[in-house]
Amino acid sequence: MSEGKRRISGQDLKPTVWIGKQGCTGTVVEEIVQQLKKRGCIKVKWLQNTEIDPEELASRADAELVETRGRTAVLKRKRS
């Protein structure tokens, strides 16, 4: 594959957003949006006792859900 068309893998990323016991607050969503603008693709993790719907999280952040494994999701910025 060419450099520009490289497949995104969650294994290549370190988590940059952690969701705590307060859940998916507006502040968390805004942080995700800001990081997606900078990085294009991010990994989000959440606590075991926190219920998160990765598809809803991606929708709220206007992002694309790339992959979900356990309590970890990889999101990427939607193309305009």
PDB file of N, CA and C in Angstrom:
ATOM      1  N   MET A   1       0.838  -1.192   0.000  1.00  0.00           N
ATOM      2  CA  MET A   1       0.000   0.000   0.000  1.00  0.00           C
ATOM      3  C   MET A   1       0.876   1.245   0.000  1.00  0.00           C
ATOM      4  N   SER A   2       0.394   2.275  -0.622  1.00  0.00           N
ATOM      5  CA  SER A   2       1.156   3.515  -0.652  1.00  0.00           C
ATOM      6  C   SER A   2       1.056   4.219   0.698  1.00  0.00           C
ATOM      7  N   GLU A   3       1.947   5.165   0.934  1.00  0.00           N
ATOM      8  CA  GLU A   3       1.980   5.897   2.206  1.00  0.00           C
ATOM      9  C   GLU A   3       0.655   6.583   2.512  1.00  0.00           C
ATOM     10  N   GLY A   4       0.040   7.198   1.523  1.00  0.00           N
ATOM     11  CA  GLY A   4      -1.189   7.942   1.741  1.00  0.00           C
ATOM     12  C   GLY A   4      -2.415   7.060   1.968  1.00  0.00           C
ATOM     13  N   LYS A   5      -2.349   5.806   1.584  1.00  0.00           N
ATOM     14  CA  LYS A   5      -3.503   4.910   1.667  1.00  0.00           C
ATOM     15  C   LYS A   5      -3.332   3.853   2.765  1.00  0.00           C
ATOM     16  N   ARG A   6      -2.446   4.090   3.702  1.00  0.00           N
ATOM     17  CA  ARG A   6      -2.177   3.124   4.759  1.00  0.00           C
ATOM     18  C   ARG A   6      -3.415   2.874   5.608  1.00  0.00           C
ATOM     19  N   ARG A   7      -3.684   1.628   5.911  1.00  0.00           N
ATOM     20  CA  ARG A   7      -4.853   1.263   6.733  1.00  0.00           C
ATOM     21  C   ARG A   7      -4.619   1.675   8.176  1.00  0.00           C
ATOM     22  N   ILE A   8      -5.642   2.211   8.801  1.00  0.00           N
ATOM     23  CA  ILE A   8      -5.550   2.633  10.192  1.00  0.00           C
ATOM     24  C   ILE A   8      -5.714   1.414  11.076  1.00  0.00           C
ATOM     25  N   SER A   9      -4.787   1.240  11.996  1.00  0.00           N
ATOM     26  CA  SER A   9      -4.863   0.132  12.934  1.00  0.00           C
ATOM     27  C   SER A   9      -4.817   0.669  14.350  1.00  0.00           C
ATOM     28  N   GLY A  10      -5.724   0.206  15.187  1.00  0.00           N
ATOM     29  CA  GLY A  10      -5.750   0.628  16.579  1.00  0.00           C
ATOM     30  C   GLY A  10      -4.493   0.234  17.320  1.00  0.00           C
ATOM     31  N   GLN A  11      -3.810  -0.802  16.854  1.00  0.00           N
ATOM     32  CA  GLN A  11      -2.585  -1.242  17.508  1.00  0.00           C
ATOM     33  C   GLN A  11      -1.469  -0.217  17.365  1.00  0.00           C
ATOM     34  N   ASP A  12      -1.535   0.603  16.342  1.00  0.00           N
ATOM     35  CA  ASP A  12      -0.500   1.608  16.098  1.00  0.00           C
ATOM     36  C   ASP A  12      -0.668   2.843  16.974  1.00  0.00           C
ATOM     37  N   LEU A  13      -1.848   3.004  17.590  1.00  0.00           N
ATOM     38  CA  LEU A  13      -2.160   4.219  18.338  1.00  0.00           C
ATOM     39  C   LEU A  13      -2.098   4.003  19.843  1.00  0.00           C
ATOM     40  N   LYS A  14      -1.735   5.036  20.555  1.00  0.00           N
ATOM     41  CA  LYS A  14      -1.833   5.061  22.014  1.00  0.00           C
ATOM     42  C   LYS A  14      -3.098   5.842  22.351  1.00  0.00           C
ATOM     43  N   PRO A  15      -3.806   5.452  23.426  1.00  0.00           N
ATOM     44  CA  PRO A  15      -5.008   6.202  23.806  1.00  0.00           C
ATOM     45  C   PRO A  15      -4.659   7.655  24.149  1.00  0.00           C
ATOM     46  N   THR A  16      -5.422   8.577  23.602  1.00  0.00           N
ATOM     47  CA  THR A  16      -5.195   9.991  23.902  1.00  0.00           C
ATOM     48  C   THR A  16      -6.369  10.608  24.649  1.00  0.00           C
ATOM     49  N   VAL A  17      -7.503   9.904  24.677  1.00  0.00           N
ATOM     50  CA  VAL A  17      -8.670  10.370  25.435  1.00  0.00           C
ATOM     51  C   VAL A  17      -9.122   9.225  26.336  1.00  0.00           C
ATOM     52  N   TRP A  18      -9.286   9.541  27.628  1.00  0.00           N
ATOM     53  CA  TRP A  18      -9.779   8.574  28.601  1.00  0.00           C
ATOM     54  C   TRP A  18     -11.100   9.095  29.141  1.00  0.00           C
ATOM     55  N   ILE A  19     -12.131   8.258  29.121  1.00  0.00           N
ATOM     56  CA  ILE A  19     -13.440   8.643  29.637  1.00  0.00           C
ATOM     57  C   ILE A  19     -13.600   8.020  31.014  1.00  0.00           C
ATOM     58  N   GLY A  20     -13.860   8.877  32.010  1.00  0.00           N
ATOM     59  CA  GLY A  20     -13.955   8.435  33.389  1.00  0.00           C
ATOM     60  C   GLY A  20     -15.377   8.138  33.817  1.00  0.00           C
ATOM     61  N   LYS A  21     -15.565   8.110  35.130  1.00  0.00           N
ATOM     62  CA  LYS A  21     -16.850   7.706  35.692  1.00  0.00           C
ATOM     63  C   LYS A  21     -17.987   8.671  35.389  1.00  0.00           C
ATOM     64  N   GLN A  22     -17.673   9.922  34.992  1.00  0.00           N
ATOM     65  CA  GLN A  22     -18.731  10.870  34.631  1.00  0.00           C
ATOM     66  C   GLN A  22     -19.309  10.571  33.256  1.00  0.00           C
ATOM     67  N   GLY A  23     -18.643   9.720  32.505  1.00  0.00           N
ATOM     68  CA  GLY A  23     -19.149   9.324  31.192  1.00  0.00           C
ATOM     69  C   GLY A  23     -18.782  10.296  30.092  1.00  0.00           C
ATOM     70  N   CYS A  24     -19.563  10.271  29.055  1.00  0.00           N
ATOM     71  CA  CYS A  24     -19.286  11.051  27.854  1.00  0.00           C
ATOM     72  C   CYS A  24     -19.920  12.445  27.972  1.00  0.00           C
ATOM     73  N   THR A  25     -19.220  13.332  28.646  1.00  0.00           N
ATOM     74  CA  THR A  25     -19.717  14.691  28.844  1.00  0.00           C
ATOM     75  C   THR A  25     -19.442  15.536  27.600  1.00  0.00           C
ATOM     76  N   GLY A  26     -20.028  16.708  27.561  1.00  0.00           N
ATOM     77  CA  GLY A  26     -19.777  17.640  26.463  1.00  0.00           C
ATOM     78  C   GLY A  26     -18.310  18.017  26.365  1.00  0.00           C
ATOM     79  N   THR A  27     -17.646  18.108  27.511  1.00  0.00           N
ATOM     80  CA  THR A  27     -16.217  18.440  27.531  1.00  0.00           C
ATOM     81  C   THR A  27     -15.398  17.335  26.871  1.00  0.00           C
ATOM     82  N   VAL A  28     -15.756  16.095  27.137  1.00  0.00           N
ATOM     83  CA  VAL A  28     -15.050  14.953  26.535  1.00  0.00           C
ATOM     84  C   VAL A  28     -15.252  14.962  25.020  1.00  0.00           C
ATOM     85  N   VAL A  29     -16.471  15.193  24.578  1.00  0.00           N
ATOM     86  CA  VAL A  29     -16.756  15.228  23.142  1.00  0.00           C
ATOM     87  C   VAL A  29     -15.963  16.349  22.478  1.00  0.00           C
ATOM     88  N   GLU A  30     -15.911  17.514  23.111  1.00  0.00           N
ATOM     89  CA  GLU A  30     -15.152  18.639  22.543  1.00  0.00           C
ATOM     90  C   GLU A  30     -13.664  18.304  22.453  1.00  0.00           C
ATOM     91  N   GLU A  31     -13.140  17.622  23.462  1.00  0.00           N
ATOM     92  CA  GLU A  31     -11.732  17.208  23.429  1.00  0.00           C
ATOM     93  C   GLU A  31     -11.484  16.239  22.278  1.00  0.00           C
ATOM     94  N   ILE A  32     -12.405  15.320  22.059  1.00  0.00           N
ATOM     95  CA  ILE A  32     -12.285  14.383  20.944  1.00  0.00           C
ATOM     96  C   ILE A  32     -12.279  15.133  19.613  1.00  0.00           C
ATOM     97  N   VAL A  33     -13.189  16.087  19.466  1.00  0.00           N
ATOM     98  CA  VAL A  33     -13.266  16.885  18.231  1.00  0.00           C
ATOM     99  C   VAL A  33     -11.947  17.619  17.988  1.00  0.00           C
ATOM    100  N   GLN A  34     -11.407  18.245  19.038  1.00  0.00           N
ATOM    101  CA  GLN A  34     -10.144  18.985  18.909  1.00  0.00           C
ATOM    102  C   GLN A  34      -8.984  18.064  18.535  1.00  0.00           C
ATOM    103  N   GLN A  35      -8.923  16.908  19.162  1.00  0.00           N
ATOM    104  CA  GLN A  35      -7.837  15.974  18.850  1.00  0.00           C
ATOM    105  C   GLN A  35      -7.962  15.402  17.440  1.00  0.00           C
ATOM    106  N   LEU A  36      -9.190  15.170  17.001  1.00  0.00           N
ATOM    107  CA  LEU A  36      -9.375  14.689  15.628  1.00  0.00           C
ATOM    108  C   LEU A  36      -8.919  15.727  14.606  1.00  0.00           C
ATOM    109  N   LYS A  37      -9.145  17.010  14.915  1.00  0.00           N
ATOM    110  CA  LYS A  37      -8.680  18.074  14.018  1.00  0.00           C
ATOM    111  C   LYS A  37      -7.163  18.059  13.902  1.00  0.00           C
ATOM    112  N   LYS A  38      -6.481  17.807  15.018  1.00  0.00           N
ATOM    113  CA  LYS A  38      -5.012  17.795  15.033  1.00  0.00           C
ATOM    114  C   LYS A  38      -4.428  16.517  14.444  1.00  0.00           C
ATOM    115  N   ARG A  39      -4.980  15.368  14.833  1.00  0.00           N
ATOM    116  CA  ARG A  39      -4.365  14.087  14.533  1.00  0.00           C
ATOM    117  C   ARG A  39      -5.026  13.315  13.402  1.00  0.00           C
ATOM    118  N   GLY A  40      -6.311  13.548  13.174  1.00  0.00           N
ATOM    119  CA  GLY A  40      -7.028  12.812  12.140  1.00  0.00           C
ATOM    120  C   GLY A  40      -7.599  11.492  12.627  1.00  0.00           C
ATOM    121  N   CYS A  41      -6.889  10.825  13.539  1.00  0.00           N
ATOM    122  CA  CYS A  41      -7.319   9.536  14.051  1.00  0.00           C
ATOM    123  C   CYS A  41      -6.858   9.410  15.501  1.00  0.00           C
ATOM    124  N   ILE A  42      -7.751   8.969  16.391  1.00  0.00           N
ATOM    125  CA  ILE A  42      -7.401   8.852  17.813  1.00  0.00           C
ATOM    126  C   ILE A  42      -7.980   7.573  18.403  1.00  0.00           C
ATOM    127  N   LYS A  43      -7.409   7.181  19.535  1.00  0.00           N
ATOM    128  CA  LYS A  43      -7.913   6.044  20.285  1.00  0.00           C
ATOM    129  C   LYS A  43      -8.506   6.563  21.583  1.00  0.00           C
ATOM    130  N   VAL A  44      -9.708   6.078  21.913  1.00  0.00           N
ATOM    131  CA  VAL A  44     -10.431   6.493  23.117  1.00  0.00           C
ATOM    132  C   VAL A  44     -10.645   5.257  23.989  1.00  0.00           C
ATOM    133  N   LYS A  45     -10.352   5.385  25.296  1.00  0.00           N
ATOM    134  CA  LYS A  45     -10.604   4.291  26.240  1.00  0.00           C
ATOM    135  C   LYS A  45     -11.534   4.785  27.326  1.00  0.00           C
ATOM    136  N   TRP A  46     -12.283   3.858  27.946  1.00  0.00           N
ATOM    137  CA  TRP A  46     -13.160   4.250  29.038  1.00  0.00           C
ATOM    138  C   TRP A  46     -13.094   3.212  30.153  1.00  0.00           C
ATOM    139  N   LEU A  47     -13.474   3.666  31.355  1.00  0.00           N
ATOM    140  CA  LEU A  47     -13.439   2.825  32.537  1.00  0.00           C
ATOM    141  C   LEU A  47     -14.406   1.652  32.420  1.00  0.00           C
ATOM    142  N   GLN A  48     -14.094   0.594  33.145  1.00  0.00           N
ATOM    143  CA  GLN A  48     -14.906  -0.616  33.104  1.00  0.00           C
ATOM    144  C   GLN A  48     -16.336  -0.379  33.605  1.00  0.00           C
ATOM    145  N   ASN A  49     -16.494   0.504  34.578  1.00  0.00           N
ATOM    146  CA  ASN A  49     -17.831   0.738  35.132  1.00  0.00           C
ATOM    147  C   ASN A  49     -18.555   1.898  34.437  1.00  0.00           C
ATOM    148  N   THR A  50     -18.071   2.316  33.284  1.00  0.00           N
ATOM    149  CA  THR A  50     -18.688   3.394  32.510  1.00  0.00           C
ATOM    150  C   THR A  50     -19.304   2.814  31.243  1.00  0.00           C
ATOM    151  N   GLU A  51     -20.574   3.075  31.037  1.00  0.00           N
ATOM    152  CA  GLU A  51     -21.252   2.573  29.837  1.00  0.00           C
ATOM    153  C   GLU A  51     -21.136   3.601  28.711  1.00  0.00           C
ATOM    154  N   ILE A  52     -20.478   3.212  27.642  1.00  0.00           N
ATOM    155  CA  ILE A  52     -20.289   4.079  26.475  1.00  0.00           C
ATOM    156  C   ILE A  52     -20.750   3.313  25.244  1.00  0.00           C
ATOM    157  N   ASP A  53     -21.517   3.988  24.390  1.00  0.00           N
ATOM    158  CA  ASP A  53     -21.895   3.433  23.095  1.00  0.00           C
ATOM    159  C   ASP A  53     -20.953   4.065  22.070  1.00  0.00           C
ATOM    160  N   PRO A  54     -19.983   3.309  21.546  1.00  0.00           N
ATOM    161  CA  PRO A  54     -19.000   3.877  20.623  1.00  0.00           C
ATOM    162  C   PRO A  54     -19.611   4.536  19.386  1.00  0.00           C
ATOM    163  N   GLU A  55     -20.707   3.973  18.873  1.00  0.00           N
ATOM    164  CA  GLU A  55     -21.347   4.568  17.693  1.00  0.00           C
ATOM    165  C   GLU A  55     -21.953   5.922  18.026  1.00  0.00           C
ATOM    166  N   GLU A  56     -22.563   6.025  19.206  1.00  0.00           N
ATOM    167  CA  GLU A  56     -23.130   7.305  19.639  1.00  0.00           C
ATOM    168  C   GLU A  56     -22.020   8.325  19.875  1.00  0.00           C
ATOM    169  N   LEU A  57     -20.925   7.880  20.471  1.00  0.00           N
ATOM    170  CA  LEU A  57     -19.778   8.763  20.709  1.00  0.00           C
ATOM    171  C   LEU A  57     -19.248   9.320  19.388  1.00  0.00           C
ATOM    172  N   ALA A  58     -19.088   8.444  18.398  1.00  0.00           N
ATOM    173  CA  ALA A  58     -18.611   8.882  17.087  1.00  0.00           C
ATOM    174  C   ALA A  58     -19.584   9.875  16.458  1.00  0.00           C
ATOM    175  N   SER A  59     -20.869   9.616  16.581  1.00  0.00           N
ATOM    176  CA  SER A  59     -21.877  10.510  16.030  1.00  0.00           C
ATOM    177  C   SER A  59     -21.807  11.885  16.694  1.00  0.00           C
ATOM    178  N   ARG A  60     -21.709  11.905  18.024  1.00  0.00           N
ATOM    179  CA  ARG A  60     -21.640  13.176  18.751  1.00  0.00           C
ATOM    180  C   ARG A  60     -20.397  13.986  18.384  1.00  0.00           C
ATOM    181  N   ALA A  61     -19.310  13.289  18.067  1.00  0.00           N
ATOM    182  CA  ALA A  61     -18.061  13.971  17.719  1.00  0.00           C
ATOM    183  C   ALA A  61     -17.936  14.203  16.210  1.00  0.00           C
ATOM    184  N   ASP A  62     -18.976  13.847  15.449  1.00  0.00           N
ATOM    185  CA  ASP A  62     -18.966  13.956  13.990  1.00  0.00           C
ATOM    186  C   ASP A  62     -17.735  13.249  13.420  1.00  0.00           C
ATOM    187  N   ALA A  63     -17.537  12.015  13.902  1.00  0.00           N
ATOM    188  CA  ALA A  63     -16.384  11.219  13.494  1.00  0.00           C
ATOM    189  C   ALA A  63     -16.855   9.885  12.942  1.00  0.00           C
ATOM    190  N   GLU A  64     -15.917   9.138  12.390  1.00  0.00           N
ATOM    191  CA  GLU A  64     -16.199   7.810  11.869  1.00  0.00           C
ATOM    192  C   GLU A  64     -15.607   6.786  12.831  1.00  0.00           C
ATOM    193  N   LEU A  65     -16.395   5.796  13.215  1.00  0.00           N
ATOM    194  CA  LEU A  65     -15.919   4.728  14.088  1.00  0.00           C
ATOM    195  C   LEU A  65     -15.168   3.718  13.229  1.00  0.00           C
ATOM    196  N   VAL A  66     -13.869   3.571  13.494  1.00  0.00           N
ATOM    197  CA  VAL A  66     -13.033   2.665  12.708  1.00  0.00           C
ATOM    198  C   VAL A  66     -13.082   1.258  13.284  1.00  0.00           C
ATOM    199  N   GLU A  67     -12.940   1.179  14.626  1.00  0.00           N
ATOM    200  CA  GLU A  67     -12.904  -0.135  15.252  1.00  0.00           C
ATOM    201  C   GLU A  67     -13.211  -0.007  16.736  1.00  0.00           C
ATOM    202  N   THR A  68     -13.777  -1.072  17.299  1.00  0.00           N
ATOM    203  CA  THR A  68     -14.039  -1.142  18.728  1.00  0.00           C
ATOM    204  C   THR A  68     -13.533  -2.477  19.234  1.00  0.00           C
ATOM    205  N   ARG A  69     -12.785  -2.440  20.324  1.00  0.00           N
ATOM    206  CA  ARG A  69     -12.325  -3.668  20.977  1.00  0.00           C
ATOM    207  C   ARG A  69     -12.451  -3.468  22.469  1.00  0.00           C
ATOM    208  N   GLY A  70     -13.339  -4.226  23.073  1.00  0.00           N
ATOM    209  CA  GLY A  70     -13.533  -4.107  24.511  1.00  0.00           C
ATOM    210  C   GLY A  70     -13.985  -2.705  24.886  1.00  0.00           C
ATOM    211  N   ARG A  71     -13.218  -2.038  25.695  1.00  0.00           N
ATOM    212  CA  ARG A  71     -13.530  -0.679  26.139  1.00  0.00           C
ATOM    213  C   ARG A  71     -12.616   0.343  25.467  1.00  0.00           C
ATOM    214  N   THR A  72     -12.316   0.078  24.211  1.00  0.00           N
ATOM    215  CA  THR A  72     -11.452   0.954  23.417  1.00  0.00           C
ATOM    216  C   THR A  72     -12.071   1.147  22.041  1.00  0.00           C
ATOM    217  N   ALA A  73     -12.047   2.389  21.570  1.00  0.00           N
ATOM    218  CA  ALA A  73     -12.566   2.682  20.232  1.00  0.00           C
ATOM    219  C   ALA A  73     -11.547   3.536  19.477  1.00  0.00           C
ATOM    220  N   VAL A  74     -11.474   3.319  18.185  1.00  0.00           N
ATOM    221  CA  VAL A  74     -10.640   4.141  17.313  1.00  0.00           C
ATOM    222  C   VAL A  74     -11.585   4.973  16.461  1.00  0.00           C
ATOM    223  N   LEU A  75     -11.376   6.286  16.496  1.00  0.00           N
ATOM    224  CA  LEU A  75     -12.198   7.216  15.724  1.00  0.00           C
ATOM    225  C   LEU A  75     -11.320   7.956  14.729  1.00  0.00           C
ATOM    226  N   LYS A  76     -11.901   8.276  13.576  1.00  0.00           N
ATOM    227  CA  LYS A  76     -11.176   9.123  12.624  1.00  0.00           C
ATOM    228  C   LYS A  76     -12.083  10.238  12.152  1.00  0.00           C
ATOM    229  N   ARG A  77     -11.459  11.319  11.773  1.00  0.00           N
ATOM    230  CA  ARG A  77     -12.179  12.490  11.286  1.00  0.00           C
ATOM    231  C   ARG A  77     -12.881  12.135   9.978  1.00  0.00           C
ATOM    232  N   LYS A  78     -14.133  12.585   9.858  1.00  0.00           N
ATOM    233  CA  LYS A  78     -14.878  12.369   8.607  1.00  0.00           C
ATOM    234  C   LYS A  78     -14.300  13.256   7.529  1.00  0.00           C
ATOM    235  N   ARG A  79     -14.316  12.737   6.336  1.00  0.00           N
ATOM    236  CA  ARG A  79     -13.866  13.541   5.195  1.00  0.00           C
ATOM    237  C   ARG A  79     -14.958  14.515   4.795  1.00  0.00           C
ATOM    238  N   SER A  80     -14.563  15.717   4.455  1.00  0.00           N
ATOM    239  CA  SER A  80     -15.548  16.739   4.069  1.00  0.00           C
ATOM    240  C   SER A  80     -15.980  16.575   2.647  1.00  0.00           C
TER     241      SER A  80
END
